[in-house]
Amino acid sequence: MEHKIRVLVAKAGLDGHDRGAKVVAAALRDAGMEVIYTGLRQTPEMIVEAAIQEDVDAIGISILSGAHMTIFPRILNLMKEKKVDDILLFGGGIIPEDDLNKLKELGVGELFTPGTSTTDIVKFLKEWVVNHPKK
């Protein structure tokens, strides 16, 4: 039986705009993935805890607030502390080019900026899960 990809989609911090996150969540569902959407104003701690509870393959964070250089590293650190670094952390939003590169160096799998096709996000996730089976 093929593994059904499970993805947690979250809006971190005080950012109140969730249209993009909902569009991505719907596209992932349409592609046959199981999506858990946590809603607005999640803390990094809440996100990592939910990811562990839901036994997800990936965490997708949508950030438009400019807090990406605080939130992504905090989530990565919590994932390391809780020994769940076999979960992919990816995200999207308005993130400057320099910050994109820094976040990827820290361990964020991929970052999608506005205008990215949802097909590209689905393709990336499917390929990542095939190439990184959970421990």
N, C-alpha and C. Protein backbone atom coordinates (compact mmCIF):
# COMPACT_ATOMS: atom_id res chain seq x y z
N MET A 1 0.85 -1.20 0.00
CA MET A 1 0.00 0.00 0.00
C MET A 1 0.88 1.25 0.00
N GLU A 2 0.52 2.19 -0.84
CA GLU A 2 1.31 3.41 -0.94
C GLU A 2 1.08 4.29 0.29
N HIS A 3 2.16 4.91 0.73
CA HIS A 3 2.12 5.80 1.89
C HIS A 3 1.35 7.07 1.52
N LYS A 4 0.34 7.41 2.31
CA LYS A 4 -0.38 8.66 2.08
C LYS A 4 0.38 9.78 2.78
N ILE A 5 0.79 10.77 2.02
CA ILE A 5 1.58 11.88 2.56
C ILE A 5 0.71 12.73 3.48
N ARG A 6 1.23 12.98 4.68
CA ARG A 6 0.54 13.82 5.66
C ARG A 6 1.31 15.12 5.85
N VAL A 7 0.58 16.23 5.70
CA VAL A 7 1.21 17.56 5.77
C VAL A 7 0.45 18.43 6.75
N LEU A 8 1.19 19.07 7.65
CA LEU A 8 0.61 20.05 8.56
C LEU A 8 0.85 21.43 7.93
N VAL A 9 -0.21 22.19 7.74
CA VAL A 9 -0.09 23.54 7.20
C VAL A 9 -0.47 24.50 8.32
N ALA A 10 0.41 25.49 8.56
CA ALA A 10 0.18 26.40 9.69
C ALA A 10 0.53 27.83 9.33
N LYS A 11 -0.12 28.74 10.02
CA LYS A 11 0.19 30.16 9.96
C LYS A 11 0.82 30.51 11.30
N ALA A 12 2.08 30.90 11.26
CA ALA A 12 2.80 31.18 12.51
C ALA A 12 2.78 32.67 12.84
N GLY A 13 2.82 32.96 14.10
CA GLY A 13 2.93 34.34 14.54
C GLY A 13 1.63 35.11 14.42
N LEU A 14 1.75 36.42 14.28
CA LEU A 14 0.59 37.30 14.33
C LEU A 14 -0.02 37.57 12.96
N ASP A 15 0.54 36.98 11.93
CA ASP A 15 0.06 37.16 10.57
C ASP A 15 -1.38 36.69 10.46
N GLY A 16 -2.28 37.56 10.00
CA GLY A 16 -3.70 37.22 9.93
C GLY A 16 -4.21 36.86 8.55
N HIS A 17 -3.34 36.75 7.57
CA HIS A 17 -3.77 36.48 6.19
C HIS A 17 -3.53 35.02 5.87
N ASP A 18 -4.60 34.25 5.64
CA ASP A 18 -4.42 32.82 5.44
C ASP A 18 -4.92 32.31 4.09
N ARG A 19 -5.22 33.21 3.16
CA ARG A 19 -5.72 32.77 1.86
C ARG A 19 -4.72 31.86 1.15
N GLY A 20 -3.44 32.27 1.13
CA GLY A 20 -2.41 31.47 0.47
C GLY A 20 -2.26 30.09 1.10
N ALA A 21 -2.27 30.05 2.42
CA ALA A 21 -2.15 28.77 3.13
C ALA A 21 -3.32 27.86 2.78
N LYS A 22 -4.52 28.44 2.68
CA LYS A 22 -5.70 27.64 2.35
C LYS A 22 -5.65 27.14 0.91
N VAL A 23 -5.14 27.96 0.00
CA VAL A 23 -4.99 27.55 -1.40
C VAL A 23 -4.01 26.37 -1.50
N VAL A 24 -2.88 26.48 -0.80
CA VAL A 24 -1.89 25.39 -0.81
C VAL A 24 -2.48 24.14 -0.17
N ALA A 25 -3.15 24.29 0.97
CA ALA A 25 -3.75 23.14 1.64
C ALA A 25 -4.74 22.43 0.71
N ALA A 26 -5.56 23.19 0.00
CA ALA A 26 -6.55 22.60 -0.92
C ALA A 26 -5.84 21.88 -2.07
N ALA A 27 -4.77 22.46 -2.59
CA ALA A 27 -4.03 21.83 -3.69
C ALA A 27 -3.39 20.52 -3.24
N LEU A 28 -2.86 20.50 -2.02
CA LEU A 28 -2.25 19.28 -1.50
C LEU A 28 -3.32 18.21 -1.30
N ARG A 29 -4.48 18.60 -0.80
CA ARG A 29 -5.59 17.66 -0.63
C ARG A 29 -6.02 17.11 -1.99
N ASP A 30 -6.16 18.00 -2.96
CA ASP A 30 -6.57 17.58 -4.31
C ASP A 30 -5.58 16.60 -4.91
N ALA A 31 -4.32 16.69 -4.49
CA ALA A 31 -3.27 15.79 -4.99
C ALA A 31 -3.22 14.48 -4.20
N GLY A 32 -4.18 14.29 -3.29
CA GLY A 32 -4.27 13.03 -2.56
C GLY A 32 -3.55 13.00 -1.23
N MET A 33 -3.07 14.15 -0.78
CA MET A 33 -2.37 14.19 0.51
C MET A 33 -3.38 14.45 1.62
N GLU A 34 -3.02 14.02 2.81
CA GLU A 34 -3.83 14.30 3.99
C GLU A 34 -3.27 15.59 4.58
N VAL A 35 -4.14 16.58 4.76
CA VAL A 35 -3.69 17.90 5.23
C VAL A 35 -4.36 18.24 6.54
N ILE A 36 -3.54 18.66 7.49
CA ILE A 36 -4.02 19.14 8.77
C ILE A 36 -3.74 20.64 8.78
N TYR A 37 -4.79 21.45 8.82
CA TYR A 37 -4.60 22.90 8.82
C TYR A 37 -4.86 23.41 10.23
N THR A 38 -3.83 24.03 10.82
CA THR A 38 -3.94 24.43 12.23
C THR A 38 -4.60 25.79 12.42
N GLY A 39 -4.71 26.56 11.35
CA GLY A 39 -5.32 27.88 11.49
C GLY A 39 -4.31 28.97 11.82
N LEU A 40 -4.83 30.11 12.18
CA LEU A 40 -4.03 31.32 12.39
C LEU A 40 -3.36 31.36 13.76
N ARG A 41 -2.32 32.18 13.83
CA ARG A 41 -1.65 32.58 15.07
C ARG A 41 -1.12 31.42 15.90
N GLN A 42 -0.42 30.50 15.23
CA GLN A 42 0.18 29.36 15.92
C GLN A 42 1.60 29.72 16.37
N THR A 43 1.98 29.26 17.54
CA THR A 43 3.36 29.45 17.99
C THR A 43 4.20 28.31 17.42
N PRO A 44 5.52 28.50 17.31
CA PRO A 44 6.37 27.39 16.87
C PRO A 44 6.17 26.14 17.72
N GLU A 45 6.00 26.32 19.03
CA GLU A 45 5.79 25.18 19.93
C GLU A 45 4.50 24.43 19.58
N MET A 46 3.43 25.17 19.32
CA MET A 46 2.15 24.55 18.96
C MET A 46 2.28 23.79 17.64
N ILE A 47 3.01 24.37 16.70
CA ILE A 47 3.17 23.75 15.38
C ILE A 47 3.93 22.44 15.48
N VAL A 48 5.06 22.45 16.19
CA VAL A 48 5.87 21.23 16.30
C VAL A 48 5.11 20.17 17.08
N GLU A 49 4.43 20.57 18.13
CA GLU A 49 3.65 19.60 18.92
C GLU A 49 2.56 18.97 18.06
N ALA A 50 1.86 19.77 17.26
CA ALA A 50 0.80 19.24 16.39
C ALA A 50 1.40 18.30 15.34
N ALA A 51 2.57 18.64 14.83
CA ALA A 51 3.23 17.79 13.82
C ALA A 51 3.57 16.42 14.40
N ILE A 52 4.03 16.41 15.65
CA ILE A 52 4.36 15.15 16.32
C ILE A 52 3.08 14.35 16.56
N GLN A 53 2.06 15.00 17.09
CA GLN A 53 0.79 14.33 17.39
C GLN A 53 0.16 13.73 16.14
N GLU A 54 0.28 14.44 15.03
CA GLU A 54 -0.36 14.01 13.77
C GLU A 54 0.54 13.10 12.94
N ASP A 55 1.79 12.89 13.38
CA ASP A 55 2.74 12.03 12.68
C ASP A 55 2.86 12.40 11.20
N VAL A 56 3.16 13.68 10.95
CA VAL A 56 3.22 14.18 9.58
C VAL A 56 4.58 13.93 8.92
N ASP A 57 4.56 13.98 7.60
CA ASP A 57 5.79 13.90 6.81
C ASP A 57 6.41 15.28 6.63
N ALA A 58 5.56 16.30 6.65
CA ALA A 58 6.04 17.66 6.36
C ALA A 58 5.22 18.70 7.11
N ILE A 59 5.90 19.82 7.39
CA ILE A 59 5.27 20.99 7.99
C ILE A 59 5.42 22.12 6.98
N GLY A 60 4.30 22.73 6.61
CA GLY A 60 4.32 23.87 5.71
C GLY A 60 3.90 25.12 6.46
N ILE A 61 4.78 26.12 6.46
CA ILE A 61 4.51 27.35 7.18
C ILE A 61 4.30 28.48 6.18
N SER A 62 3.24 29.24 6.37
CA SER A 62 2.98 30.41 5.54
C SER A 62 3.27 31.65 6.37
N ILE A 63 4.18 32.49 5.85
CA ILE A 63 4.54 33.70 6.60
C ILE A 63 4.55 34.90 5.65
N LEU A 64 3.75 35.89 6.00
CA LEU A 64 3.74 37.14 5.24
C LEU A 64 4.12 38.31 6.12
N SER A 65 4.36 38.03 7.41
CA SER A 65 4.51 39.10 8.40
C SER A 65 5.93 39.65 8.52
N GLY A 66 6.90 39.00 7.86
CA GLY A 66 8.28 39.44 8.00
C GLY A 66 9.02 38.77 9.15
N ALA A 67 8.36 37.86 9.86
CA ALA A 67 8.98 37.20 11.02
C ALA A 67 9.67 35.89 10.65
N HIS A 68 9.89 35.66 9.37
CA HIS A 68 10.44 34.37 8.92
C HIS A 68 11.81 34.04 9.50
N MET A 69 12.66 35.04 9.74
CA MET A 69 14.01 34.78 10.26
C MET A 69 13.98 34.44 11.76
N THR A 70 12.84 34.62 12.40
CA THR A 70 12.66 34.22 13.80
C THR A 70 11.92 32.88 13.86
N ILE A 71 10.85 32.77 13.11
CA ILE A 71 9.95 31.61 13.23
C ILE A 71 10.57 30.33 12.67
N PHE A 72 11.12 30.38 11.45
CA PHE A 72 11.68 29.15 10.87
C PHE A 72 12.82 28.58 11.72
N PRO A 73 13.81 29.40 12.15
CA PRO A 73 14.87 28.83 12.99
C PRO A 73 14.34 28.26 14.31
N ARG A 74 13.32 28.90 14.89
CA ARG A 74 12.75 28.41 16.15
C ARG A 74 12.10 27.04 15.93
N ILE A 75 11.37 26.89 14.84
CA ILE A 75 10.73 25.60 14.54
C ILE A 75 11.80 24.54 14.31
N LEU A 76 12.85 24.87 13.55
CA LEU A 76 13.93 23.91 13.30
C LEU A 76 14.59 23.48 14.61
N ASN A 77 14.83 24.42 15.51
CA ASN A 77 15.45 24.08 16.80
C ASN A 77 14.54 23.17 17.63
N LEU A 78 13.25 23.46 17.64
CA LEU A 78 12.31 22.61 18.38
C LEU A 78 12.26 21.21 17.78
N MET A 79 12.32 21.12 16.45
CA MET A 79 12.30 19.81 15.79
C MET A 79 13.53 19.01 16.17
N LYS A 80 14.68 19.69 16.25
CA LYS A 80 15.91 18.99 16.66
C LYS A 80 15.81 18.54 18.11
N GLU A 81 15.33 19.44 18.98
CA GLU A 81 15.18 19.10 20.41
C GLU A 81 14.29 17.88 20.60
N LYS A 82 13.21 17.81 19.83
CA LYS A 82 12.24 16.72 19.98
C LYS A 82 12.57 15.53 19.09
N LYS A 83 13.72 15.62 18.42
CA LYS A 83 14.21 14.53 17.57
C LYS A 83 13.22 14.13 16.47
N VAL A 84 12.65 15.14 15.83
CA VAL A 84 11.76 14.90 14.69
C VAL A 84 12.31 15.62 13.45
N ASP A 85 13.63 15.54 13.30
CA ASP A 85 14.22 16.21 12.15
C ASP A 85 14.14 15.38 10.87
N ASP A 86 13.34 14.27 10.92
CA ASP A 86 13.04 13.55 9.68
C ASP A 86 11.76 14.09 9.04
N ILE A 87 11.18 15.12 9.65
CA ILE A 87 10.03 15.80 9.06
C ILE A 87 10.55 16.97 8.23
N LEU A 88 10.02 17.12 7.02
CA LEU A 88 10.39 18.23 6.16
C LEU A 88 9.75 19.52 6.67
N LEU A 89 10.54 20.58 6.77
CA LEU A 89 9.99 21.91 7.05
C LEU A 89 10.12 22.71 5.76
N PHE A 90 8.98 23.16 5.26
CA PHE A 90 8.98 24.01 4.06
C PHE A 90 8.05 25.18 4.32
N GLY A 91 8.07 26.14 3.43
CA GLY A 91 7.21 27.28 3.66
C GLY A 91 7.04 28.15 2.45
N GLY A 92 6.34 29.24 2.69
CA GLY A 92 6.09 30.18 1.62
C GLY A 92 5.70 31.51 2.18
N GLY A 93 5.76 32.49 1.30
CA GLY A 93 5.38 33.84 1.70
C GLY A 93 6.29 34.86 1.05
N ILE A 94 6.25 36.03 1.60
CA ILE A 94 7.06 37.12 1.07
C ILE A 94 8.38 37.11 1.84
N ILE A 95 9.41 36.52 1.20
CA ILE A 95 10.70 36.34 1.86
C ILE A 95 11.80 36.83 0.91
N PRO A 96 12.60 37.81 1.33
CA PRO A 96 13.66 38.32 0.46
C PRO A 96 14.67 37.24 0.08
N GLU A 97 15.26 37.37 -1.10
CA GLU A 97 16.20 36.39 -1.66
C GLU A 97 17.32 36.02 -0.67
N ASP A 98 17.93 37.01 -0.02
CA ASP A 98 19.02 36.73 0.93
C ASP A 98 18.54 35.84 2.06
N ASP A 99 17.35 36.12 2.55
CA ASP A 99 16.80 35.33 3.65
C ASP A 99 16.43 33.92 3.18
N LEU A 100 15.95 33.79 1.94
CA LEU A 100 15.64 32.46 1.40
C LEU A 100 16.87 31.56 1.51
N ASN A 101 18.00 32.08 1.06
CA ASN A 101 19.24 31.29 1.07
C ASN A 101 19.68 30.96 2.50
N LYS A 102 19.59 31.93 3.40
CA LYS A 102 20.00 31.69 4.80
C LYS A 102 19.12 30.62 5.44
N LEU A 103 17.82 30.68 5.19
CA LEU A 103 16.90 29.71 5.79
C LEU A 103 17.15 28.30 5.24
N LYS A 104 17.44 28.21 3.95
CA LYS A 104 17.74 26.89 3.38
C LYS A 104 19.03 26.33 3.97
N GLU A 105 20.01 27.19 4.19
CA GLU A 105 21.27 26.74 4.82
C GLU A 105 21.01 26.21 6.23
N LEU A 106 20.05 26.81 6.94
CA LEU A 106 19.71 26.36 8.30
C LEU A 106 18.99 25.02 8.30
N GLY A 107 18.35 24.68 7.18
CA GLY A 107 17.67 23.39 7.12
C GLY A 107 16.23 23.41 6.63
N VAL A 108 15.74 24.58 6.22
CA VAL A 108 14.40 24.62 5.64
C VAL A 108 14.49 23.97 4.26
N GLY A 109 13.62 23.00 3.99
CA GLY A 109 13.70 22.22 2.76
C GLY A 109 13.49 23.03 1.50
N GLU A 110 12.46 23.85 1.49
CA GLU A 110 12.17 24.68 0.33
C GLU A 110 11.27 25.82 0.76
N LEU A 111 11.40 26.94 0.03
CA LEU A 111 10.56 28.11 0.29
C LEU A 111 9.96 28.56 -1.02
N PHE A 112 8.66 28.74 -1.01
CA PHE A 112 7.93 29.12 -2.22
C PHE A 112 7.43 30.55 -2.08
N THR A 113 7.74 31.37 -3.07
CA THR A 113 7.35 32.77 -3.02
C THR A 113 6.04 32.96 -3.79
N PRO A 114 5.40 34.12 -3.61
CA PRO A 114 4.12 34.35 -4.30
C PRO A 114 4.26 34.12 -5.80
N GLY A 115 3.25 33.50 -6.37
CA GLY A 115 3.27 33.21 -7.80
C GLY A 115 3.72 31.80 -8.14
N THR A 116 4.25 31.08 -7.15
CA THR A 116 4.66 29.69 -7.38
C THR A 116 3.42 28.87 -7.69
N SER A 117 3.53 28.01 -8.67
CA SER A 117 2.42 27.12 -9.02
C SER A 117 2.23 26.07 -7.92
N THR A 118 0.98 25.80 -7.57
CA THR A 118 0.73 24.76 -6.56
C THR A 118 1.19 23.40 -7.08
N THR A 119 1.20 23.23 -8.39
CA THR A 119 1.71 21.99 -8.99
C THR A 119 3.17 21.77 -8.62
N ASP A 120 3.95 22.86 -8.60
CA ASP A 120 5.37 22.76 -8.22
C ASP A 120 5.52 22.35 -6.76
N ILE A 121 4.65 22.86 -5.89
CA ILE A 121 4.70 22.52 -4.47
C ILE A 121 4.36 21.04 -4.28
N VAL A 122 3.31 20.57 -4.96
CA VAL A 122 2.90 19.17 -4.87
C VAL A 122 4.04 18.27 -5.36
N LYS A 123 4.63 18.61 -6.49
CA LYS A 123 5.71 17.81 -7.07
C LYS A 123 6.90 17.74 -6.10
N PHE A 124 7.28 18.89 -5.53
CA PHE A 124 8.39 18.92 -4.58
C PHE A 124 8.11 18.00 -3.39
N LEU A 125 6.92 18.10 -2.81
CA LEU A 125 6.59 17.29 -1.63
C LEU A 125 6.61 15.80 -1.95
N LYS A 126 6.01 15.42 -3.06
CA LYS A 126 5.98 14.00 -3.43
C LYS A 126 7.39 13.46 -3.62
N GLU A 127 8.23 14.21 -4.30
CA GLU A 127 9.61 13.77 -4.53
C GLU A 127 10.38 13.69 -3.21
N TRP A 128 10.19 14.67 -2.35
CA TRP A 128 10.91 14.70 -1.06
C TRP A 128 10.55 13.46 -0.24
N VAL A 129 9.26 13.17 -0.15
CA VAL A 129 8.82 12.04 0.68
C VAL A 129 9.36 10.71 0.14
N VAL A 130 9.37 10.56 -1.18
CA VAL A 130 9.92 9.33 -1.79
C VAL A 130 11.41 9.20 -1.44
N ASN A 131 12.14 10.31 -1.50
CA ASN A 131 13.59 10.28 -1.27
C ASN A 131 13.99 10.33 0.20
N HIS A 132 13.05 10.55 1.11
CA HIS A 132 13.35 10.66 2.54
C HIS A 132 12.32 9.87 3.34
N PRO A 133 12.35 8.54 3.24
CA PRO A 133 11.36 7.76 4.01
C PRO A 133 11.54 8.01 5.51
N LYS A 134 10.42 8.08 6.22
CA LYS A 134 10.48 8.33 7.68
C LYS A 134 11.17 7.19 8.40
N LYS A 135 11.90 7.56 9.46
CA LYS A 135 12.64 6.58 10.26
C LYS A 135 11.69 5.73 11.08
